[in-house]
């Protein structure tokens, strides 16, 4: 499934764990951090281990069967 997530006009980026919480992929920040550390999340097709990775417009984040496109 594909989801689009719009950044606010005053927002240059969102941290990866904040994005996972904001899109309701996880219930809390601890779970988001755990999934990233375990390599369950990809950013632009590459496994991402940085919890505070800056996700910007045009990036695609994959978790399980979900794709989140930043617009």
N, C-alpha and C. Protein backbone atom coordinates (compact mmCIF):
# COMPACT_ATOMS: atom_id res chain seq x y z
N UNK A 1 0.83 -1.17 0.00
CA UNK A 1 0.00 0.00 0.00
C UNK A 1 0.88 1.25 0.00
N UNK A 2 0.42 2.29 -0.65
CA UNK A 2 1.19 3.53 -0.78
C UNK A 2 0.45 4.66 -0.07
N UNK A 3 1.20 5.42 0.72
CA UNK A 3 0.67 6.56 1.46
C UNK A 3 1.50 7.78 1.12
N UNK A 4 0.84 8.92 0.98
CA UNK A 4 1.56 10.17 0.78
C UNK A 4 1.53 10.97 2.08
N UNK A 5 2.66 11.55 2.42
CA UNK A 5 2.77 12.37 3.63
C UNK A 5 3.30 13.74 3.23
N UNK A 6 2.47 14.77 3.39
CA UNK A 6 2.93 16.12 3.03
C UNK A 6 3.69 16.78 4.17
N UNK A 7 4.84 17.34 3.87
CA UNK A 7 5.55 18.18 4.85
C UNK A 7 4.83 19.52 4.91
N UNK A 8 4.85 20.13 6.08
CA UNK A 8 4.30 21.48 6.20
C UNK A 8 5.17 22.44 5.40
N UNK A 9 4.62 23.56 5.02
CA UNK A 9 5.37 24.54 4.22
C UNK A 9 6.60 25.05 4.95
N UNK A 10 6.56 25.11 6.28
CA UNK A 10 7.70 25.60 7.05
C UNK A 10 8.64 24.46 7.47
N UNK A 11 8.38 23.28 6.98
CA UNK A 11 9.13 22.09 7.38
C UNK A 11 10.03 21.62 6.24
N UNK A 12 11.34 21.61 6.48
CA UNK A 12 12.30 21.16 5.47
C UNK A 12 12.43 19.64 5.47
N UNK A 13 12.24 19.03 6.66
CA UNK A 13 12.39 17.59 6.81
C UNK A 13 11.61 17.12 8.04
N UNK A 14 11.49 15.80 8.17
CA UNK A 14 10.95 15.17 9.37
C UNK A 14 11.89 14.01 9.71
N UNK A 15 12.15 13.82 10.99
CA UNK A 15 13.01 12.68 11.38
C UNK A 15 12.26 11.37 11.14
N UNK A 16 13.00 10.35 10.79
CA UNK A 16 12.43 9.06 10.43
C UNK A 16 11.48 8.52 11.50
N UNK A 17 11.91 8.51 12.76
CA UNK A 17 11.03 7.95 13.79
C UNK A 17 9.77 8.80 13.98
N UNK A 18 9.88 10.11 13.78
CA UNK A 18 8.70 10.97 13.87
C UNK A 18 7.73 10.67 12.73
N UNK A 19 8.26 10.40 11.55
CA UNK A 19 7.43 10.05 10.40
C UNK A 19 6.66 8.76 10.66
N UNK A 20 7.32 7.76 11.21
CA UNK A 20 6.65 6.49 11.49
C UNK A 20 5.51 6.67 12.48
N UNK A 21 5.70 7.55 13.45
CA UNK A 21 4.63 7.84 14.42
C UNK A 21 3.52 8.66 13.76
N UNK A 22 3.88 9.67 12.99
CA UNK A 22 2.90 10.56 12.37
C UNK A 22 2.00 9.85 11.37
N UNK A 23 2.50 8.80 10.76
CA UNK A 23 1.71 8.04 9.77
C UNK A 23 1.03 6.83 10.40
N UNK A 24 1.12 6.73 11.72
CA UNK A 24 0.49 5.63 12.47
C UNK A 24 1.00 4.25 12.08
N UNK A 25 2.25 4.19 11.64
CA UNK A 25 2.86 2.89 11.36
C UNK A 25 3.24 2.19 12.66
N UNK A 26 3.47 2.98 13.70
CA UNK A 26 3.82 2.44 15.02
C UNK A 26 3.02 3.20 16.08
N UNK A 27 2.89 2.59 17.25
CA UNK A 27 2.13 3.20 18.35
C UNK A 27 2.96 4.18 19.17
N UNK A 28 4.29 3.97 19.19
CA UNK A 28 5.12 4.83 20.03
C UNK A 28 6.54 4.93 19.48
N UNK A 29 7.27 5.89 20.02
CA UNK A 29 8.62 6.15 19.55
C UNK A 29 9.59 5.02 19.82
N UNK A 30 9.39 4.32 20.94
CA UNK A 30 10.29 3.21 21.27
C UNK A 30 10.20 2.11 20.22
N UNK A 31 9.00 1.81 19.77
CA UNK A 31 8.83 0.79 18.74
C UNK A 31 9.42 1.27 17.41
N UNK A 32 9.24 2.54 17.09
CA UNK A 32 9.82 3.10 15.86
C UNK A 32 11.33 2.96 15.88
N UNK A 33 11.95 3.31 17.00
CA UNK A 33 13.40 3.21 17.12
C UNK A 33 13.86 1.76 16.98
N UNK A 34 13.15 0.86 17.61
CA UNK A 34 13.51 -0.56 17.56
C UNK A 34 13.46 -1.09 16.12
N UNK A 35 12.43 -0.73 15.39
CA UNK A 35 12.30 -1.20 14.00
C UNK A 35 13.43 -0.66 13.12
N UNK A 36 13.81 0.59 13.34
CA UNK A 36 14.89 1.18 12.55
C UNK A 36 16.21 0.48 12.88
N UNK A 37 16.50 0.31 14.16
CA UNK A 37 17.75 -0.32 14.59
C UNK A 37 17.85 -1.76 14.06
N UNK A 38 16.72 -2.45 13.97
CA UNK A 38 16.69 -3.83 13.48
C UNK A 38 16.75 -3.93 11.96
N UNK A 39 16.75 -2.80 11.26
CA UNK A 39 16.85 -2.81 9.81
C UNK A 39 15.55 -3.13 9.10
N UNK A 40 14.42 -2.83 9.74
CA UNK A 40 13.11 -3.12 9.17
C UNK A 40 12.60 -2.00 8.27
N UNK A 41 13.34 -0.89 8.20
CA UNK A 41 12.87 0.29 7.47
C UNK A 41 13.87 0.62 6.36
N UNK A 42 13.33 0.92 5.18
CA UNK A 42 14.17 1.35 4.06
C UNK A 42 13.83 2.78 3.69
N UNK A 43 14.85 3.52 3.29
CA UNK A 43 14.67 4.88 2.77
C UNK A 43 15.25 4.89 1.37
N UNK A 44 14.42 5.21 0.41
CA UNK A 44 14.82 5.23 -1.00
C UNK A 44 15.47 3.91 -1.42
N UNK A 45 14.90 2.81 -0.94
CA UNK A 45 15.35 1.48 -1.35
C UNK A 45 16.51 0.90 -0.57
N UNK A 46 17.09 1.67 0.35
CA UNK A 46 18.24 1.21 1.14
C UNK A 46 17.84 1.06 2.61
N UNK A 47 18.29 -0.01 3.25
CA UNK A 47 18.02 -0.19 4.67
C UNK A 47 18.63 0.98 5.44
N UNK A 48 17.84 1.55 6.33
CA UNK A 48 18.28 2.73 7.08
C UNK A 48 18.34 2.39 8.57
N UNK A 49 19.49 2.68 9.19
CA UNK A 49 19.69 2.41 10.61
C UNK A 49 19.73 3.67 11.47
N UNK A 50 19.68 4.85 10.85
CA UNK A 50 19.72 6.11 11.59
C UNK A 50 18.31 6.48 12.06
N UNK A 51 18.12 6.50 13.35
CA UNK A 51 16.80 6.81 13.90
C UNK A 51 16.37 8.24 13.59
N UNK A 52 17.33 9.14 13.57
CA UNK A 52 17.02 10.54 13.34
C UNK A 52 17.34 10.98 11.91
N UNK A 53 17.34 10.05 11.00
CA UNK A 53 17.56 10.35 9.59
C UNK A 53 16.57 11.42 9.14
N UNK A 54 17.06 12.43 8.46
CA UNK A 54 16.20 13.51 7.97
C UNK A 54 15.53 13.06 6.67
N UNK A 55 14.23 12.97 6.70
CA UNK A 55 13.45 12.56 5.54
C UNK A 55 12.90 13.82 4.90
N UNK A 56 13.18 13.96 3.60
CA UNK A 56 12.82 15.19 2.88
C UNK A 56 11.84 14.91 1.75
N UNK A 57 11.30 15.97 1.20
CA UNK A 57 10.37 15.89 0.08
C UNK A 57 10.98 15.05 -1.04
N UNK A 58 10.22 14.11 -1.57
CA UNK A 58 10.69 13.24 -2.65
C UNK A 58 11.21 11.89 -2.15
N UNK A 59 11.51 11.78 -0.85
CA UNK A 59 11.98 10.51 -0.30
C UNK A 59 10.84 9.51 -0.21
N UNK A 60 11.21 8.24 -0.26
CA UNK A 60 10.24 7.15 -0.10
C UNK A 60 10.72 6.24 1.03
N UNK A 61 9.85 6.02 1.99
CA UNK A 61 10.16 5.20 3.15
C UNK A 61 9.32 3.93 3.06
N UNK A 62 9.98 2.78 3.23
CA UNK A 62 9.28 1.49 3.18
C UNK A 62 9.36 0.81 4.54
N UNK A 63 8.22 0.33 5.00
CA UNK A 63 8.16 -0.46 6.22
C UNK A 63 7.11 -1.53 5.99
N UNK A 64 7.52 -2.77 6.17
CA UNK A 64 6.69 -3.93 5.86
C UNK A 64 6.23 -3.84 4.40
N UNK A 65 4.95 -3.81 4.14
CA UNK A 65 4.44 -3.71 2.76
C UNK A 65 3.97 -2.29 2.43
N UNK A 66 4.27 -1.35 3.29
CA UNK A 66 3.84 0.03 3.13
C UNK A 66 4.94 0.90 2.52
N UNK A 67 4.56 1.80 1.65
CA UNK A 67 5.47 2.80 1.11
C UNK A 67 4.90 4.17 1.44
N UNK A 68 5.73 4.99 2.08
CA UNK A 68 5.34 6.36 2.42
C UNK A 68 6.13 7.29 1.54
N UNK A 69 5.41 8.04 0.72
CA UNK A 69 6.05 9.01 -0.18
C UNK A 69 5.91 10.40 0.42
N UNK A 70 7.03 11.10 0.54
CA UNK A 70 7.02 12.44 1.12
C UNK A 70 6.77 13.46 0.01
N UNK A 71 5.73 14.25 0.21
CA UNK A 71 5.37 15.25 -0.81
C UNK A 71 5.43 16.65 -0.23
